[in-house]
Amino acid sequence: MNKTLWTMGALVVMLLSACGGQNETKPADAAQASAATSAAPAGSANASVAERERLMDIFKDASGTMGKMIKGETPFDAAAFQAAADTMAENADKPWQHYTEESAKESPDAKPEVWSKHEEFKQAAEKFVAATAALKTAAAEGNLDAVKKPFGEVGQSCKACHDSFRVED
């Protein structure tokens, strides 16, 4: 069981590391990052892509913090885990609105299926939102055993979406 959880945790970290670009936003910096504005005009395709990439970076960083604890690379810190889970859950419903038809031409990482199979994409996003909410609730228990399964479920929702809707390098 522990090896399976470790493997799932490693998979989550690996998958989420592929979510974003080169930018790194730490969960503690999420509020500051959300106040940042893009150089692209508001409402433009480039601004949509930049915003969803920024949000994916937040997920990647929060997952990385939690994944290190799940894998035992860093000691479990209930408050830090809760903060990362909160950050992820609070932002879980935000990137999807930035997958606009206009941004399709500007997005080398999104498969055309994001737009051609929009209902499936929407369902994948809803699964992610539900999984992050469950992780946030589990994190409130304050112990490592309570968060292992929900953390793995977040990773599974990421993987399923990436497999169907993200161009992998």
C-alpha atoms as a PDB file:
ATOM      1  CA  MET A   1       0.000   0.000   0.000  1.00  0.00           C
ATOM      2  CA  ASN A   2       2.771   2.494   0.922  1.00  0.00           C
ATOM      3  CA  LYS A   3       4.654   1.719  -2.300  1.00  0.00           C
ATOM      4  CA  THR A   4       1.467   2.364  -4.298  1.00  0.00           C
ATOM      5  CA  LEU A   5       0.909   5.686  -2.526  1.00  0.00           C
ATOM      6  CA  TRP A   6       4.530   6.656  -3.044  1.00  0.00           C
ATOM      7  CA  THR A   7       4.235   5.806  -6.727  1.00  0.00           C
ATOM      8  CA  MET A   8       1.016   7.818  -7.056  1.00  0.00           C
ATOM      9  CA  GLY A   9       2.621  10.756  -5.231  1.00  0.00           C
ATOM     10  CA  ALA A  10       5.617  10.633  -7.525  1.00  0.00           C
ATOM     11  CA  LEU A  11       3.285  10.477 -10.522  1.00  0.00           C
ATOM     12  CA  VAL A  12       1.349  13.519  -9.323  1.00  0.00           C
ATOM     13  CA  VAL A  13       4.529  15.542  -8.887  1.00  0.00           C
ATOM     14  CA  MET A  14       5.787  14.434 -12.298  1.00  0.00           C
ATOM     15  CA  LEU A  15       2.494  15.203 -14.054  1.00  0.00           C
ATOM     16  CA  LEU A  16       2.045  18.550 -12.412  1.00  0.00           C
ATOM     17  CA  SER A  17       5.610  19.504 -13.220  1.00  0.00           C
ATOM     18  CA  ALA A  18       4.530  19.208 -16.848  1.00  0.00           C
ATOM     19  CA  CYS A  19       1.535  21.517 -16.325  1.00  0.00           C
ATOM     20  CA  GLY A  20       3.309  24.804 -16.410  1.00  0.00           C
ATOM     21  CA  GLY A  21       6.080  26.516 -18.197  1.00  0.00           C
ATOM     22  CA  GLN A  22       9.331  27.742 -16.745  1.00  0.00           C
ATOM     23  CA  ASN A  23       7.751  30.027 -14.154  1.00  0.00           C
ATOM     24  CA  GLU A  24       7.638  28.897 -10.568  1.00  0.00           C
ATOM     25  CA  THR A  25       5.048  30.252  -8.161  1.00  0.00           C
ATOM     26  CA  LYS A  26       5.194  29.019  -4.600  1.00  0.00           C
ATOM     27  CA  PRO A  27       1.868  28.348  -2.846  1.00  0.00           C
ATOM     28  CA  ALA A  28       2.713  31.067  -0.330  1.00  0.00           C
ATOM     29  CA  ASP A  29       3.061  33.490  -3.245  1.00  0.00           C
ATOM     30  CA  ALA A  30      -0.323  32.596  -4.764  1.00  0.00           C
ATOM     31  CA  ALA A  31      -2.045  35.744  -3.511  1.00  0.00           C
ATOM     32  CA  GLN A  32       0.761  37.910  -4.837  1.00  0.00           C
ATOM     33  CA  ALA A  33       0.776  36.023  -8.127  1.00  0.00           C
ATOM     34  CA  SER A  34      -2.958  36.396  -8.566  1.00  0.00           C
ATOM     35  CA  ALA A  35      -2.550  40.150  -8.274  1.00  0.00           C
ATOM     36  CA  ALA A  36       0.025  40.144 -11.066  1.00  0.00           C
ATOM     37  CA  THR A  37      -1.159  41.213 -14.460  1.00  0.00           C
ATOM     38  CA  SER A  38      -0.150  39.867 -17.822  1.00  0.00           C
ATOM     39  CA  ALA A  39       1.591  42.014 -20.403  1.00  0.00           C
ATOM     40  CA  ALA A  40      -1.069  40.914 -22.866  1.00  0.00           C
ATOM     41  CA  PRO A  41      -4.287  42.922 -23.002  1.00  0.00           C
ATOM     42  CA  ALA A  42      -7.071  41.634 -20.776  1.00  0.00           C
ATOM     43  CA  GLY A  43      -9.357  39.280 -22.664  1.00  0.00           C
ATOM     44  CA  SER A  44      -6.802  38.441 -25.317  1.00  0.00           C
ATOM     45  CA  ALA A  45      -5.924  34.903 -26.288  1.00  0.00           C
ATOM     46  CA  ASN A  46      -2.388  35.383 -24.946  1.00  0.00           C
ATOM     47  CA  ALA A  47      -3.761  36.615 -21.617  1.00  0.00           C
ATOM     48  CA  SER A  48      -6.012  33.542 -21.386  1.00  0.00           C
ATOM     49  CA  VAL A  49      -3.102  31.193 -22.010  1.00  0.00           C
ATOM     50  CA  ALA A  50      -0.870  33.076 -19.563  1.00  0.00           C
ATOM     51  CA  GLU A  51      -3.508  32.982 -16.833  1.00  0.00           C
ATOM     52  CA  ARG A  52      -4.231  29.293 -17.115  1.00  0.00           C
ATOM     53  CA  GLU A  53      -0.487  28.528 -17.188  1.00  0.00           C
ATOM     54  CA  ARG A  54      -0.036  30.655 -14.050  1.00  0.00           C
ATOM     55  CA  LEU A  55      -2.794  28.697 -12.321  1.00  0.00           C
ATOM     56  CA  MET A  56      -1.284  25.373 -13.419  1.00  0.00           C
ATOM     57  CA  ASP A  57       2.025  26.517 -11.925  1.00  0.00           C
ATOM     58  CA  ILE A  58       0.215  27.104  -8.638  1.00  0.00           C
ATOM     59  CA  PHE A  59      -1.148  23.543  -8.790  1.00  0.00           C
ATOM     60  CA  LYS A  60       2.293  22.185  -9.635  1.00  0.00           C
ATOM     61  CA  ASP A  61       3.946  23.946  -6.723  1.00  0.00           C
ATOM     62  CA  ALA A  62       1.234  23.041  -4.213  1.00  0.00           C
ATOM     63  CA  SER A  63       1.344  19.432  -5.360  1.00  0.00           C
ATOM     64  CA  GLY A  64       5.117  19.408  -5.120  1.00  0.00           C
ATOM     65  CA  THR A  65       4.956  20.579  -1.502  1.00  0.00           C
ATOM     66  CA  MET A  66       2.407  17.915  -0.627  1.00  0.00           C
ATOM     67  CA  GLY A  67       4.094  15.212  -2.707  1.00  0.00           C
ATOM     68  CA  LYS A  68       7.379  15.610  -0.856  1.00  0.00           C
ATOM     69  CA  MET A  69       5.530  14.989   2.399  1.00  0.00           C
ATOM     70  CA  ILE A  70       3.615  12.018   0.990  1.00  0.00           C
ATOM     71  CA  LYS A  71       6.873  10.467  -0.267  1.00  0.00           C
ATOM     72  CA  GLY A  72       8.672  11.158   3.006  1.00  0.00           C
ATOM     73  CA  GLU A  73      11.222  13.497   1.410  1.00  0.00           C
ATOM     74  CA  THR A  74      10.244  16.159   3.929  1.00  0.00           C
ATOM     75  CA  PRO A  75       8.594  15.693   7.311  1.00  0.00           C
ATOM     76  CA  PHE A  76       4.819  15.897   7.342  1.00  0.00           C
ATOM     77  CA  ASP A  77       3.812  19.401   8.400  1.00  0.00           C
ATOM     78  CA  ALA A  78       0.037  19.521   8.815  1.00  0.00           C
ATOM     79  CA  ALA A  79      -0.144  23.315   8.519  1.00  0.00           C
ATOM     80  CA  ALA A  80       1.999  23.447   5.368  1.00  0.00           C
ATOM     81  CA  PHE A  81       0.060  20.563   3.824  1.00  0.00           C
ATOM     82  CA  GLN A  82      -3.227  22.285   4.649  1.00  0.00           C
ATOM     83  CA  ALA A  83      -2.010  25.558   3.123  1.00  0.00           C
ATOM     84  CA  ALA A  84      -1.003  23.782  -0.095  1.00  0.00           C
ATOM     85  CA  ALA A  85      -4.297  21.851  -0.237  1.00  0.00           C
ATOM     86  CA  ASP A  86      -6.226  25.072   0.412  1.00  0.00           C
ATOM     87  CA  THR A  87      -4.331  26.870  -2.361  1.00  0.00           C
ATOM     88  CA  MET A  88      -5.070  24.079  -4.798  1.00  0.00           C
ATOM     89  CA  ALA A  89      -8.766  23.843  -3.865  1.00  0.00           C
ATOM     90  CA  GLU A  90      -9.265  27.611  -3.923  1.00  0.00           C
ATOM     91  CA  ASN A  91      -7.912  27.803  -7.475  1.00  0.00           C
ATOM     92  CA  ALA A  92      -9.246  24.488  -8.813  1.00  0.00           C
ATOM     93  CA  ASP A  93     -12.177  25.986 -10.708  1.00  0.00           C
ATOM     94  CA  LYS A  94     -10.287  28.940 -12.209  1.00  0.00           C
ATOM     95  CA  PRO A  95      -8.173  27.753 -15.175  1.00  0.00           C
ATOM     96  CA  TRP A  96     -10.977  26.230 -17.192  1.00  0.00           C
ATOM     97  CA  GLN A  97     -12.617  29.534 -18.131  1.00  0.00           C
ATOM     98  CA  HIS A  98      -9.354  30.505 -19.832  1.00  0.00           C
ATOM     99  CA  TYR A  99      -9.605  27.705 -22.397  1.00  0.00           C
ATOM    100  CA  THR A 100     -11.322  29.952 -24.904  1.00  0.00           C
ATOM    101  CA  GLU A 101     -11.823  29.355 -28.623  1.00  0.00           C
ATOM    102  CA  GLU A 102      -9.587  32.375 -29.265  1.00  0.00           C
ATOM    103  CA  SER A 103      -6.766  30.863 -27.205  1.00  0.00           C
ATOM    104  CA  ALA A 104      -6.816  27.584 -29.154  1.00  0.00           C
ATOM    105  CA  LYS A 105      -4.371  29.018 -31.699  1.00  0.00           C
ATOM    106  CA  GLU A 106      -2.054  30.277 -28.949  1.00  0.00           C
ATOM    107  CA  SER A 107      -1.854  27.041 -26.960  1.00  0.00           C
ATOM    108  CA  PRO A 108       0.716  24.481 -28.081  1.00  0.00           C
ATOM    109  CA  ASP A 109       0.103  22.349 -24.955  1.00  0.00           C
ATOM    110  CA  ALA A 110      -3.658  21.923 -25.325  1.00  0.00           C
ATOM    111  CA  LYS A 111      -4.974  19.287 -27.695  1.00  0.00           C
ATOM    112  CA  PRO A 112      -7.789  20.234 -30.089  1.00  0.00           C
ATOM    113  CA  GLU A 113     -10.003  17.875 -28.062  1.00  0.00           C
ATOM    114  CA  VAL A 114     -10.260  20.588 -25.384  1.00  0.00           C
ATOM    115  CA  TRP A 115     -12.612  22.347 -27.783  1.00  0.00           C
ATOM    116  CA  SER A 116     -13.964  19.483 -29.897  1.00  0.00           C
ATOM    117  CA  LYS A 117     -14.877  17.397 -26.836  1.00  0.00           C
ATOM    118  CA  HIS A 118     -15.779  20.272 -24.583  1.00  0.00           C
ATOM    119  CA  GLU A 119     -18.258  18.311 -22.419  1.00  0.00           C
ATOM    120  CA  GLU A 120     -15.619  15.676 -21.639  1.00  0.00           C
ATOM    121  CA  PHE A 121     -13.106  18.419 -20.852  1.00  0.00           C
ATOM    122  CA  LYS A 122     -15.647  20.081 -18.563  1.00  0.00           C
ATOM    123  CA  GLN A 123     -16.246  16.756 -16.768  1.00  0.00           C
ATOM    124  CA  ALA A 124     -12.489  16.285 -16.286  1.00  0.00           C
ATOM    125  CA  ALA A 125     -12.275  19.769 -14.785  1.00  0.00           C
ATOM    126  CA  GLU A 126     -15.194  19.006 -12.466  1.00  0.00           C
ATOM    127  CA  LYS A 127     -13.460  15.815 -11.273  1.00  0.00           C
ATOM    128  CA  PHE A 128     -10.352  17.847 -10.478  1.00  0.00           C
ATOM    129  CA  VAL A 129     -12.389  20.411  -8.526  1.00  0.00           C
ATOM    130  CA  ALA A 130     -14.092  17.637  -6.535  1.00  0.00           C
ATOM    131  CA  ALA A 131     -10.793  15.844  -5.876  1.00  0.00           C
ATOM    132  CA  THR A 132      -9.105  19.004  -4.595  1.00  0.00           C
ATOM    133  CA  ALA A 133     -12.084  19.747  -2.338  1.00  0.00           C
ATOM    134  CA  ALA A 134     -11.824  16.234  -0.877  1.00  0.00           C
ATOM    135  CA  LEU A 135      -8.087  16.707  -0.347  1.00  0.00           C
ATOM    136  CA  LYS A 136      -8.676  20.013   1.439  1.00  0.00           C
ATOM    137  CA  THR A 137     -11.221  18.327   3.735  1.00  0.00           C
ATOM    138  CA  ALA A 138      -8.856  15.425   4.456  1.00  0.00           C
ATOM    139  CA  ALA A 139      -5.987  17.810   5.180  1.00  0.00           C
ATOM    140  CA  ALA A 140      -8.074  19.368   7.948  1.00  0.00           C
ATOM    141  CA  GLU A 141      -7.694  16.096   9.871  1.00  0.00           C
ATOM    142  CA  GLY A 142      -4.034  16.999  10.269  1.00  0.00           C
ATOM    143  CA  ASN A 143      -2.474  13.606   9.690  1.00  0.00           C
ATOM    144  CA  LEU A 144      -0.559  11.986   6.876  1.00  0.00           C
ATOM    145  CA  ASP A 145      -2.692   8.853   6.631  1.00  0.00           C
ATOM    146  CA  ALA A 146      -5.839  10.914   6.038  1.00  0.00           C
ATOM    147  CA  VAL A 147      -4.395  12.704   2.994  1.00  0.00           C
ATOM    148  CA  LYS A 148      -2.708   9.881   1.117  1.00  0.00           C
ATOM    149  CA  LYS A 149      -5.756   8.556  -0.741  1.00  0.00           C
ATOM    150  CA  PRO A 150      -7.247  11.976  -1.627  1.00  0.00           C
ATOM    151  CA  PHE A 151      -3.818  13.162  -2.791  1.00  0.00           C
ATOM    152  CA  GLY A 152      -3.626  10.141  -5.090  1.00  0.00           C
ATOM    153  CA  GLU A 153      -7.106  10.915  -6.415  1.00  0.00           C
ATOM    154  CA  VAL A 154      -6.032  14.459  -7.289  1.00  0.00           C
ATOM    155  CA  GLY A 155      -3.097  12.956  -9.177  1.00  0.00           C
ATOM    156  CA  GLN A 156      -5.378  10.548 -11.003  1.00  0.00           C
ATOM    157  CA  SER A 157      -7.634  13.408 -12.088  1.00  0.00           C
ATOM    158  CA  CYS A 158      -4.595  15.322 -13.371  1.00  0.00           C
ATOM    159  CA  LYS A 159      -3.323  12.308 -15.281  1.00  0.00           C
ATOM    160  CA  ALA A 160      -6.701  11.559 -16.858  1.00  0.00           C
ATOM    161  CA  CYS A 161      -7.046  15.130 -18.074  1.00  0.00           C
ATOM    162  CA  HIS A 162      -3.470  15.276 -19.369  1.00  0.00           C
ATOM    163  CA  ASP A 163      -3.852  11.975 -21.187  1.00  0.00           C
ATOM    164  CA  SER A 164      -6.930  13.237 -23.024  1.00  0.00           C
ATOM    165  CA  PHE A 165      -6.372  16.954 -23.381  1.00  0.00           C
ATOM    166  CA  ARG A 166      -2.695  17.893 -23.087  1.00  0.00           C
ATOM    167  CA  VAL A 167       0.056  17.560 -25.663  1.00  0.00           C
ATOM    168  CA  GLU A 168       2.967  15.928 -23.875  1.00  0.00           C
ATOM    169  CA  ASP A 169       6.517  16.702 -24.916  1.00  0.00           C
END
